[in-house]
C-alpha atoms as a PDB file:
ATOM      1  CA  UNK A   1      68.196  50.318  53.110  1.00  0.00           C
ATOM      2  CA  UNK A   2      72.025  50.884  52.968  1.00  0.00           C
ATOM      3  CA  UNK A   3      74.247  48.210  54.498  1.00  0.00           C
ATOM      4  CA  UNK A   4      76.553  49.708  57.117  1.00  0.00           C
ATOM      5  CA  UNK A   5      79.546  48.094  58.758  1.00  0.00           C
ATOM      6  CA  UNK A   6      78.478  45.396  61.220  1.00  0.00           C
ATOM      7  CA  UNK A   7      79.041  46.091  64.924  1.00  0.00           C
ATOM      8  CA  UNK A   8      81.077  43.249  66.326  1.00  0.00           C
ATOM      9  CA  UNK A   9      83.175  44.982  68.980  1.00  0.00           C
ATOM     10  CA  UNK A  10      82.404  46.508  72.350  1.00  0.00           C
ATOM     11  CA  UNK A  11      84.371  48.333  75.044  1.00  0.00           C
ATOM     12  CA  UNK A  12      83.312  47.964  78.668  1.00  0.00           C
ATOM     13  CA  UNK A  13      84.779  50.482  81.101  1.00  0.00           C
ATOM     14  CA  UNK A  14      85.617  48.734  84.362  1.00  0.00           C
ATOM     15  CA  UNK A  15      88.600  50.611  85.793  1.00  0.00           C
ATOM     16  CA  UNK A  16      87.014  52.608  88.606  1.00  0.00           C
ATOM     17  CA  UNK A  17      87.968  51.936  92.235  1.00  0.00           C
ATOM     18  CA  UNK A  18      84.388  51.705  93.470  1.00  0.00           C
ATOM     19  CA  UNK A  19      85.196  53.870  96.476  1.00  0.00           C
ATOM     20  CA  UNK A  20      81.566  54.281  97.486  1.00  0.00           C
ATOM     21  CA  UNK A  21      81.471  50.556  98.254  1.00  0.00           C
ATOM     22  CA  UNK A  22      84.623  50.369 100.370  1.00  0.00           C
ATOM     23  CA  UNK A  23      85.731  48.233 102.153  1.00  0.00           C
ATOM     24  CA  UNK A  24      83.774  45.691 100.049  1.00  0.00           C
ATOM     25  CA  UNK A  25      85.515  46.784  96.850  1.00  0.00           C
ATOM     26  CA  UNK A  26      89.026  46.822  98.283  1.00  0.00           C
ATOM     27  CA  UNK A  27      89.591  43.354  96.780  1.00  0.00           C
ATOM     28  CA  UNK A  28      86.415  42.732  94.722  1.00  0.00           C
ATOM     29  CA  UNK A  29      85.541  44.916  91.715  1.00  0.00           C
ATOM     30  CA  UNK A  30      82.245  46.801  91.970  1.00  0.00           C
ATOM     31  CA  UNK A  31      81.394  45.340  88.545  1.00  0.00           C
ATOM     32  CA  UNK A  32      81.281  41.937  90.261  1.00  0.00           C
ATOM     33  CA  UNK A  33      78.572  42.896  92.714  1.00  0.00           C
ATOM     34  CA  UNK A  34      75.847  40.254  92.369  1.00  0.00           C
ATOM     35  CA  UNK A  35      72.411  40.843  90.923  1.00  0.00           C
ATOM     36  CA  UNK A  36      70.911  37.703  92.462  1.00  0.00           C
ATOM     37  CA  UNK A  37      73.210  35.036  90.888  1.00  0.00           C
ATOM     38  CA  UNK A  38      75.030  37.043  88.226  1.00  0.00           C
ATOM     39  CA  UNK A  39      77.557  39.883  88.543  1.00  0.00           C
ATOM     40  CA  UNK A  40      76.508  43.197  87.073  1.00  0.00           C
ATOM     41  CA  UNK A  41      79.136  43.009  84.329  1.00  0.00           C
ATOM     42  CA  UNK A  42      77.799  39.632  83.112  1.00  0.00           C
ATOM     43  CA  UNK A  43      74.396  41.290  82.512  1.00  0.00           C
ATOM     44  CA  UNK A  44      76.197  43.946  80.495  1.00  0.00           C
ATOM     45  CA  UNK A  45      78.016  41.241  78.437  1.00  0.00           C
ATOM     46  CA  UNK A  46      74.821  39.324  77.827  1.00  0.00           C
ATOM     47  CA  UNK A  47      73.184  42.501  76.564  1.00  0.00           C
ATOM     48  CA  UNK A  48      75.976  43.038  74.036  1.00  0.00           C
ATOM     49  CA  UNK A  49      76.176  39.416  72.901  1.00  0.00           C
ATOM     50  CA  UNK A  50      72.438  39.435  72.193  1.00  0.00           C
ATOM     51  CA  UNK A  51      73.131  42.243  69.692  1.00  0.00           C
ATOM     52  CA  UNK A  52      75.718  40.195  67.827  1.00  0.00           C
ATOM     53  CA  UNK A  53      78.940  41.395  69.529  1.00  0.00           C
ATOM     54  CA  UNK A  54      81.767  38.839  69.316  1.00  0.00           C
ATOM     55  CA  UNK A  55      84.766  40.752  70.661  1.00  0.00           C
ATOM     56  CA  UNK A  56      84.518  42.410  74.065  1.00  0.00           C
ATOM     57  CA  UNK A  57      87.347  44.677  75.290  1.00  0.00           C
ATOM     58  CA  UNK A  58      87.174  45.165  79.037  1.00  0.00           C
ATOM     59  CA  UNK A  59      89.326  48.098  80.247  1.00  0.00           C
ATOM     60  CA  UNK A  60      90.284  47.448  83.855  1.00  0.00           C
ATOM     61  CA  UNK A  61      92.501  48.730  86.618  1.00  0.00           C
ATOM     62  CA  UNK A  62      94.133  47.348  89.779  1.00  0.00           C
ATOM     63  CA  UNK A  63      92.172  44.773  91.831  1.00  0.00           C
ATOM     64  CA  UNK A  64      90.075  43.745  88.813  1.00  0.00           C
ATOM     65  CA  UNK A  65      91.487  40.235  88.306  1.00  0.00           C
ATOM     66  CA  UNK A  66      88.159  38.744  89.454  1.00  0.00           C
ATOM     67  CA  UNK A  67      86.572  39.968  86.229  1.00  0.00           C
ATOM     68  CA  UNK A  68      89.066  38.034  84.137  1.00  0.00           C
ATOM     69  CA  UNK A  69      88.615  34.926  86.292  1.00  0.00           C
ATOM     70  CA  UNK A  70      84.830  35.147  85.941  1.00  0.00           C
ATOM     71  CA  UNK A  71      84.905  35.053  82.145  1.00  0.00           C
ATOM     72  CA  UNK A  72      87.642  32.368  82.008  1.00  0.00           C
ATOM     73  CA  UNK A  73      87.123  28.604  82.026  1.00  0.00           C
ATOM     74  CA  UNK A  74      87.312  26.935  85.465  1.00  0.00           C
ATOM     75  CA  UNK A  75      88.051  23.393  84.330  1.00  0.00           C
ATOM     76  CA  UNK A  76      88.765  21.959  87.784  1.00  0.00           C
ATOM     77  CA  UNK A  77      85.477  23.370  89.128  1.00  0.00           C
ATOM     78  CA  UNK A  78      83.567  22.173  86.088  1.00  0.00           C
ATOM     79  CA  UNK A  79      85.000  18.661  86.521  1.00  0.00           C
ATOM     80  CA  UNK A  80      84.079  18.596  90.179  1.00  0.00           C
ATOM     81  CA  UNK A  81      80.529  19.695  89.404  1.00  0.00           C
ATOM     82  CA  UNK A  82      80.111  17.028  86.710  1.00  0.00           C
ATOM     83  CA  UNK A  83      81.479  14.457  89.121  1.00  0.00           C
ATOM     84  CA  UNK A  84      78.649  15.349  91.489  1.00  0.00           C
ATOM     85  CA  UNK A  85      76.073  15.148  88.713  1.00  0.00           C
ATOM     86  CA  UNK A  86      75.670  18.917  88.418  1.00  0.00           C
ATOM     87  CA  UNK A  87      76.133  19.011  84.668  1.00  0.00           C
ATOM     88  CA  UNK A  88      73.704  21.925  84.152  1.00  0.00           C
ATOM     89  CA  UNK A  89      75.719  24.171  86.489  1.00  0.00           C
ATOM     90  CA  UNK A  90      79.007  23.133  84.814  1.00  0.00           C
ATOM     91  CA  UNK A  91      77.497  23.862  81.401  1.00  0.00           C
ATOM     92  CA  UNK A  92      76.453  27.321  82.607  1.00  0.00           C
ATOM     93  CA  UNK A  93      80.004  28.157  83.710  1.00  0.00           C
ATOM     94  CA  UNK A  94      81.406  26.894  80.414  1.00  0.00           C
ATOM     95  CA  UNK A  95      78.889  29.013  78.455  1.00  0.00           C
ATOM     96  CA  UNK A  96      79.894  32.171  80.334  1.00  0.00           C
ATOM     97  CA  UNK A  97      83.469  31.798  79.138  1.00  0.00           C
ATOM     98  CA  UNK A  98      82.395  31.125  75.567  1.00  0.00           C
ATOM     99  CA  UNK A  99      79.932  33.996  75.168  1.00  0.00           C
ATOM    100  CA  UNK A 100      82.546  36.125  73.327  1.00  0.00           C
ATOM    101  CA  UNK A 101      86.205  36.730  72.728  1.00  0.00           C
ATOM    102  CA  UNK A 102      87.373  38.647  75.785  1.00  0.00           C
ATOM    103  CA  UNK A 103      90.309  41.074  75.589  1.00  0.00           C
ATOM    104  CA  UNK A 104      91.591  42.851  78.724  1.00  0.00           C
ATOM    105  CA  UNK A 105      93.420  46.142  78.860  1.00  0.00           C
ATOM    106  CA  UNK A 106      94.706  48.105  81.813  1.00  0.00           C
ATOM    107  CA  UNK A 107      93.562  51.705  81.703  1.00  0.00           C
ATOM    108  CA  UNK A 108      96.483  54.049  81.324  1.00  0.00           C
ATOM    109  CA  UNK A 109      97.090  57.702  80.526  1.00  0.00           C
ATOM    110  CA  UNK A 110      96.121  61.102  81.914  1.00  0.00           C
ATOM    111  CA  UNK A 111      93.780  62.834  82.182  1.00  0.00           C
ATOM    112  CA  UNK A 112      91.444  60.136  83.353  1.00  0.00           C
ATOM    113  CA  UNK A 113      87.738  60.171  82.606  1.00  0.00           C
ATOM    114  CA  UNK A 114      85.034  58.016  81.012  1.00  0.00           C
ATOM    115  CA  UNK A 115      86.466  58.674  77.557  1.00  0.00           C
ATOM    116  CA  UNK A 116      89.849  57.156  78.424  1.00  0.00           C
ATOM    117  CA  UNK A 117      88.804  53.468  78.011  1.00  0.00           C
ATOM    118  CA  UNK A 118      87.713  54.008  74.408  1.00  0.00           C
ATOM    119  CA  UNK A 119      90.979  55.817  73.660  1.00  0.00           C
ATOM    120  CA  UNK A 120      92.964  52.971  75.241  1.00  0.00           C
ATOM    121  CA  UNK A 121      91.119  50.476  73.038  1.00  0.00           C
ATOM    122  CA  UNK A 122      91.434  52.529  69.817  1.00  0.00           C
ATOM    123  CA  UNK A 123      94.140  50.275  68.313  1.00  0.00           C
ATOM    124  CA  UNK A 124      91.786  47.296  68.725  1.00  0.00           C
ATOM    125  CA  UNK A 125      88.721  49.121  67.366  1.00  0.00           C
ATOM    126  CA  UNK A 126      90.382  50.332  64.207  1.00  0.00           C
ATOM    127  CA  UNK A 127      87.930  51.752  61.704  1.00  0.00           C
ATOM    128  CA  UNK A 128      84.898  49.811  62.971  1.00  0.00           C
ATOM    129  CA  UNK A 129      81.820  50.998  64.831  1.00  0.00           C
ATOM    130  CA  UNK A 130      81.719  49.782  68.474  1.00  0.00           C
ATOM    131  CA  UNK A 131      79.570  49.758  71.544  1.00  0.00           C
ATOM    132  CA  UNK A 132      80.806  51.636  74.595  1.00  0.00           C
ATOM    133  CA  UNK A 133      79.196  50.422  77.851  1.00  0.00           C
ATOM    134  CA  UNK A 134      80.009  50.685  81.511  1.00  0.00           C
ATOM    135  CA  UNK A 135      80.360  47.760  83.853  1.00  0.00           C
ATOM    136  CA  UNK A 136      78.025  48.985  86.549  1.00  0.00           C
ATOM    137  CA  UNK A 137      74.682  49.773  84.903  1.00  0.00           C
ATOM    138  CA  UNK A 138      72.148  47.717  82.899  1.00  0.00           C
ATOM    139  CA  UNK A 139      68.648  47.646  81.483  1.00  0.00           C
ATOM    140  CA  UNK A 140      65.983  45.023  81.909  1.00  0.00           C
ATOM    141  CA  UNK A 141      63.245  44.556  79.350  1.00  0.00           C
ATOM    142  CA  UNK A 142      62.085  42.562  76.374  1.00  0.00           C
ATOM    143  CA  UNK A 143      64.662  44.038  73.949  1.00  0.00           C
ATOM    144  CA  UNK A 144      68.183  44.728  75.140  1.00  0.00           C
ATOM    145  CA  UNK A 145      69.672  48.180  75.150  1.00  0.00           C
ATOM    146  CA  UNK A 146      72.381  47.171  72.618  1.00  0.00           C
ATOM    147  CA  UNK A 147      69.759  45.744  70.223  1.00  0.00           C
ATOM    148  CA  UNK A 148      67.793  49.018  70.390  1.00  0.00           C
ATOM    149  CA  UNK A 149      70.901  51.099  69.693  1.00  0.00           C
ATOM    150  CA  UNK A 150      71.776  48.757  66.828  1.00  0.00           C
ATOM    151  CA  UNK A 151      68.310  49.214  65.330  1.00  0.00           C
ATOM    152  CA  UNK A 152      68.831  52.964  65.015  1.00  0.00           C
ATOM    153  CA  UNK A 153      72.406  52.549  63.732  1.00  0.00           C
ATOM    154  CA  UNK A 154      71.137  50.124  61.084  1.00  0.00           C
ATOM    155  CA  UNK A 155      68.931  52.871  59.720  1.00  0.00           C
ATOM    156  CA  UNK A 156      71.517  55.658  59.802  1.00  0.00           C
ATOM    157  CA  UNK A 157      75.094  54.346  60.002  1.00  0.00           C
ATOM    158  CA  UNK A 158      75.756  57.046  62.606  1.00  0.00           C
ATOM    159  CA  UNK A 159      76.634  57.103  66.283  1.00  0.00           C
ATOM    160  CA  UNK A 160      73.692  56.490  68.633  1.00  0.00           C
ATOM    161  CA  UNK A 161      73.473  57.272  72.366  1.00  0.00           C
ATOM    162  CA  UNK A 162      71.048  55.961  74.980  1.00  0.00           C
ATOM    163  CA  UNK A 163      68.397  58.335  76.265  1.00  0.00           C
ATOM    164  CA  UNK A 164      65.848  58.322  79.096  1.00  0.00           C
ATOM    165  CA  UNK A 165      63.509  60.990  80.429  1.00  0.00           C
ATOM    166  CA  UNK A 166      64.269  62.365  83.889  1.00  0.00           C
ATOM    167  CA  UNK A 167      62.997  65.050  86.241  1.00  0.00           C
ATOM    168  CA  UNK A 168      64.697  68.372  85.615  1.00  0.00           C
ATOM    169  CA  UNK A 169      65.797  68.539  89.262  1.00  0.00           C
ATOM    170  CA  UNK A 170      68.105  65.591  88.471  1.00  0.00           C
ATOM    171  CA  UNK A 171      69.826  67.356  85.554  1.00  0.00           C
ATOM    172  CA  UNK A 172      72.943  67.728  87.677  1.00  0.00           C
ATOM    173  CA  UNK A 173      73.420  63.946  87.632  1.00  0.00           C
ATOM    174  CA  UNK A 174      73.312  63.333  83.874  1.00  0.00           C
ATOM    175  CA  UNK A 175      74.429  64.571  80.496  1.00  0.00           C
ATOM    176  CA  UNK A 176      71.363  66.389  79.203  1.00  0.00           C
ATOM    177  CA  UNK A 177      70.485  66.648  75.513  1.00  0.00           C
ATOM    178  CA  UNK A 178      68.655  68.752  73.019  1.00  0.00           C
ATOM    179  CA  UNK A 179      67.089  66.739  70.171  1.00  0.00           C
ATOM    180  CA  UNK A 180      65.439  67.424  66.819  1.00  0.00           C
ATOM    181  CA  UNK A 181      64.621  65.747  63.489  1.00  0.00           C
ATOM    182  CA  UNK A 182      62.556  62.682  64.399  1.00  0.00           C
ATOM    183  CA  UNK A 183      63.793  59.511  62.712  1.00  0.00           C
ATOM    184  CA  UNK A 184      61.120  57.284  64.236  1.00  0.00           C
ATOM    185  CA  UNK A 185      59.125  57.086  67.470  1.00  0.00           C
ATOM    186  CA  UNK A 186      62.253  56.410  69.527  1.00  0.00           C
ATOM    187  CA  UNK A 187      65.106  57.939  67.537  1.00  0.00           C
ATOM    188  CA  UNK A 188      65.976  61.617  67.127  1.00  0.00           C
ATOM    189  CA  UNK A 189      68.890  63.641  65.890  1.00  0.00           C
ATOM    190  CA  UNK A 190      71.079  65.034  68.641  1.00  0.00           C
ATOM    191  CA  UNK A 191      71.596  68.798  68.591  1.00  0.00           C
ATOM    192  CA  UNK A 192      73.736  69.052  71.732  1.00  0.00           C
ATOM    193  CA  UNK A 193      74.795  67.209  74.841  1.00  0.00           C
ATOM    194  CA  UNK A 194      75.726  69.095  78.019  1.00  0.00           C
ATOM    195  CA  UNK A 195      77.295  67.229  80.912  1.00  0.00           C
ATOM    196  CA  UNK A 196      75.470  67.712  84.282  1.00  0.00           C
ATOM    197  CA  UNK A 197      74.201  71.245  83.604  1.00  0.00           C
ATOM    198  CA  UNK A 198      71.716  71.482  86.511  1.00  0.00           C
ATOM    199  CA  UNK A 199      67.994  72.166  86.234  1.00  0.00           C
ATOM    200  CA  UNK A 200      68.344  75.812  85.212  1.00  0.00           C
ATOM    201  CA  UNK A 201      70.658  75.200  82.253  1.00  0.00           C
ATOM    202  CA  UNK A 202      69.335  71.841  81.083  1.00  0.00           C
ATOM    203  CA  UNK A 203      68.266  71.971  77.400  1.00  0.00           C
ATOM    204  CA  UNK A 204      65.452  69.410  78.020  1.00  0.00           C
ATOM    205  CA  UNK A 205      64.302  66.652  80.365  1.00  0.00           C
ATOM    206  CA  UNK A 206      66.121  64.094  78.221  1.00  0.00           C
ATOM    207  CA  UNK A 207      69.206  62.499  79.745  1.00  0.00           C
ATOM    208  CA  UNK A 208      72.041  60.550  78.170  1.00  0.00           C
ATOM    209  CA  UNK A 209      72.911  57.488  80.226  1.00  0.00           C
ATOM    210  CA  UNK A 210      75.599  54.813  79.852  1.00  0.00           C
ATOM    211  CA  UNK A 211      75.461  52.895  76.627  1.00  0.00           C
ATOM    212  CA  UNK A 212      76.635  54.164  73.249  1.00  0.00           C
ATOM    213  CA  UNK A 213      77.065  52.779  69.756  1.00  0.00           C
ATOM    214  CA  UNK A 214      79.867  54.891  68.336  1.00  0.00           C
ATOM    215  CA  UNK A 215      81.381  55.199  64.883  1.00  0.00           C
ATOM    216  CA  UNK A 216      85.208  55.445  64.685  1.00  0.00           C
ATOM    217  CA  UNK A 217      84.950  59.172  64.022  1.00  0.00           C
ATOM    218  CA  UNK A 218      84.761  59.642  67.803  1.00  0.00           C
ATOM    219  CA  UNK A 219      88.344  58.407  68.283  1.00  0.00           C
ATOM    220  CA  UNK A 220      90.308  61.350  66.833  1.00  0.00           C
ATOM    221  CA  UNK A 221      88.103  63.689  68.854  1.00  0.00           C
ATOM    222  CA  UNK A 222      88.980  61.797  72.016  1.00  0.00           C
ATOM    223  CA  UNK A 223      92.658  61.767  70.925  1.00  0.00           C
ATOM    224  CA  UNK A 224      92.660  65.595  71.131  1.00  0.00           C
ATOM    225  CA  UNK A 225      92.294  65.025  74.913  1.00  0.00           C
ATOM    226  CA  UNK A 226      90.084  68.061  75.334  1.00  0.00           C
ATOM    227  CA  UNK A 227      89.282  68.063  79.028  1.00  0.00           C
ATOM    228  CA  UNK A 228      86.109  69.091  80.778  1.00  0.00           C
ATOM    229  CA  UNK A 229      85.808  71.753  83.485  1.00  0.00           C
ATOM    230  CA  UNK A 230      86.583  68.954  85.947  1.00  0.00           C
ATOM    231  CA  UNK A 231      89.843  68.272  84.178  1.00  0.00           C
ATOM    232  CA  UNK A 232      88.686  64.887  82.826  1.00  0.00           C
ATOM    233  CA  UNK A 233      88.526  63.315  79.394  1.00  0.00           C
ATOM    234  CA  UNK A 234      84.741  62.939  79.204  1.00  0.00           C
ATOM    235  CA  UNK A 235      82.916  60.988  76.555  1.00  0.00           C
ATOM    236  CA  UNK A 236      79.840  63.306  76.578  1.00  0.00           C
ATOM    237  CA  UNK A 237      81.979  66.264  75.597  1.00  0.00           C
ATOM    238  CA  UNK A 238      83.499  64.304  72.698  1.00  0.00           C
ATOM    239  CA  UNK A 239      80.046  63.198  71.585  1.00  0.00           C
ATOM    240  CA  UNK A 240      78.790  66.776  71.666  1.00  0.00           C
ATOM    241  CA  UNK A 241      81.724  67.838  69.443  1.00  0.00           C
ATOM    242  CA  UNK A 242      80.982  64.945  67.097  1.00  0.00           C
ATOM    243  CA  UNK A 243      77.345  66.087  66.890  1.00  0.00           C
ATOM    244  CA  UNK A 244      78.537  69.493  65.739  1.00  0.00           C
ATOM    245  CA  UNK A 245      80.756  67.973  63.014  1.00  0.00           C
ATOM    246  CA  UNK A 246      78.559  65.094  61.923  1.00  0.00           C
ATOM    247  CA  UNK A 247      75.168  63.479  62.713  1.00  0.00           C
ATOM    248  CA  UNK A 248      74.583  61.754  66.052  1.00  0.00           C
ATOM    249  CA  UNK A 249      71.280  60.172  67.087  1.00  0.00           C
ATOM    250  CA  UNK A 250      69.684  59.600  70.453  1.00  0.00           C
ATOM    251  CA  UNK A 251      67.606  56.492  71.077  1.00  0.00           C
ATOM    252  CA  UNK A 252      65.056  56.417  73.893  1.00  0.00           C
ATOM    253  CA  UNK A 253      65.619  53.008  75.455  1.00  0.00           C
ATOM    254  CA  UNK A 254      62.597  50.908  76.333  1.00  0.00           C
ATOM    255  CA  UNK A 255      62.971  48.997  79.602  1.00  0.00           C
ATOM    256  CA  UNK A 256      63.985  49.663  83.166  1.00  0.00           C
ATOM    257  CA  UNK A 257      67.339  51.395  83.796  1.00  0.00           C
ATOM    258  CA  UNK A 258      69.392  50.191  86.732  1.00  0.00           C
ATOM    259  CA  UNK A 259      72.482  52.015  88.017  1.00  0.00           C
ATOM    260  CA  UNK A 260      74.583  50.207  90.620  1.00  0.00           C
ATOM    261  CA  UNK A 261      77.120  52.977  91.061  1.00  0.00           C
ATOM    262  CA  UNK A 262      76.308  53.694  94.726  1.00  0.00           C
ATOM    263  CA  UNK A 263      75.056  51.510  97.632  1.00  0.00           C
ATOM    264  CA  UNK A 264      71.554  52.967  97.572  1.00  0.00           C
ATOM    265  CA  UNK A 265      71.216  52.582  93.784  1.00  0.00           C
ATOM    266  CA  UNK A 266      72.639  49.085  93.913  1.00  0.00           C
ATOM    267  CA  UNK A 267      70.107  48.076  96.561  1.00  0.00           C
ATOM    268  CA  UNK A 268      67.267  49.414  94.398  1.00  0.00           C
ATOM    269  CA  UNK A 269      68.568  47.561  91.365  1.00  0.00           C
ATOM    270  CA  UNK A 270      68.812  44.346  93.343  1.00  0.00           C
ATOM    271  CA  UNK A 271      65.301  44.628  94.791  1.00  0.00           C
ATOM    272  CA  UNK A 272      63.749  45.644  91.465  1.00  0.00           C
ATOM    273  CA  UNK A 273      65.362  42.740  89.663  1.00  0.00           C
ATOM    274  CA  UNK A 274      64.396  40.252  92.345  1.00  0.00           C
ATOM    275  CA  UNK A 275      60.790  41.453  92.364  1.00  0.00           C
ATOM    276  CA  UNK A 276      60.620  40.878  88.608  1.00  0.00           C
ATOM    277  CA  UNK A 277      62.020  37.379  88.938  1.00  0.00           C
ATOM    278  CA  UNK A 278      59.279  34.708  88.476  1.00  0.00           C
ATOM    279  CA  UNK A 279      60.869  32.464  91.066  1.00  0.00           C
ATOM    280  CA  UNK A 280      61.924  34.905  93.741  1.00  0.00           C
ATOM    281  CA  UNK A 281      59.500  37.797  93.221  1.00  0.00           C
ATOM    282  CA  UNK A 282      56.320  36.500  94.899  1.00  0.00           C
ATOM    283  CA  UNK A 283      58.010  35.506  98.169  1.00  0.00           C
ATOM    284  CA  UNK A 284      60.098  38.642  98.276  1.00  0.00           C
ATOM    285  CA  UNK A 285      57.022  40.853  97.675  1.00  0.00           C
ATOM    286  CA  UNK A 286      55.207  39.117 100.582  1.00  0.00           C
ATOM    287  CA  UNK A 287      58.246  39.487 102.835  1.00  0.00           C
ATOM    288  CA  UNK A 288      58.649  43.200 102.091  1.00  0.00           C
ATOM    289  CA  UNK A 289      54.962  43.835 102.683  1.00  0.00           C
ATOM    290  CA  UNK A 290      55.203  42.127 106.081  1.00  0.00           C
ATOM    291  CA  UNK A 291      58.284  44.116 107.042  1.00  0.00           C
ATOM    292  CA  UNK A 292      56.696  47.417 106.010  1.00  0.00           C
ATOM    293  CA  UNK A 293      53.476  46.953 107.932  1.00  0.00           C
END
C-alpha cells in the first residue's frame, strides 16, 4: 500500500457566537458547554489526538478566551489540588494541557462561513493534509471519527468526509451527497455534495456532517472565495468543486453522532452520553423512568 503524508494537523472551528444559547454564551463559549465533566471541545480534541494529531489549530472569535484557558496549564490550581491529596485530579488537568500543541487564531475576513477557519489557518497547514472539525459536535463509539477518516485516507491519499444516513425530510439541514465506486464497506467515492437541498432535490439519503480529512488541494479552492447562495464561504461547496477536479471519498462513520448546536440537540447529547456512562447511566435511567410514568 502506498505511504501518504501523515496527518498531524487539525483545524477546529470555534468562532461562532452561539446565539441560540444566549444569555449563557454571552461570556462562555458554546464549545465549553459540559458533557457531564468535559466541555464539548475537549471531546473533539480527544478524538483527534487518538488519530495521531499533534498540532491543533483552534480558530476562535470574541469571548472565546475560556477555550485557551481550558487547554492551558493551571499551575496554582494543580498545586492546591496536590496539597489536598487530589493528585489524580491534578494529573488530569495537566494531561489536558499536554494532549497536543495548541495554536489559537482569531477568525478574520469576509465573507464569513464554515470554510473561513481553514482559510485562516492555511499558512500553518502548508502542503499537509489536515483534519477540519467543529467545536460543537462529536461522535461516541469504539473507534473515533478521526481514526475512521484516517483509515480511508490511508488507502487513498485523498480527501475524506464524514457521512451518516438521514431521513429525506431532514435534507434541508445537511449537505447531501451522491456516491459511487465502493472502496470498502464504509468508503465510497463522492460524486457530488449539495448543501441543504431539501427532500425534493436531495441526491440521496446520505448526509455530510462535521468532520473532514482534507488534502491541501482544498485551500486554493477556498481562496477563490466563491460564495454560496447565502453569501457565505461554505466548505461543502468547496468540497463539491474539489470532487469535480479530483477524487474525494465519503466515509460512513460508525458510532453515535451528537450535535450540540442548539439547546434541544445539546440536551439530547447530554442525556444520551449520560445514559451510556457506566457510572451515571443506571441511576439516570431509573430517574427518567420514574419521571415519565
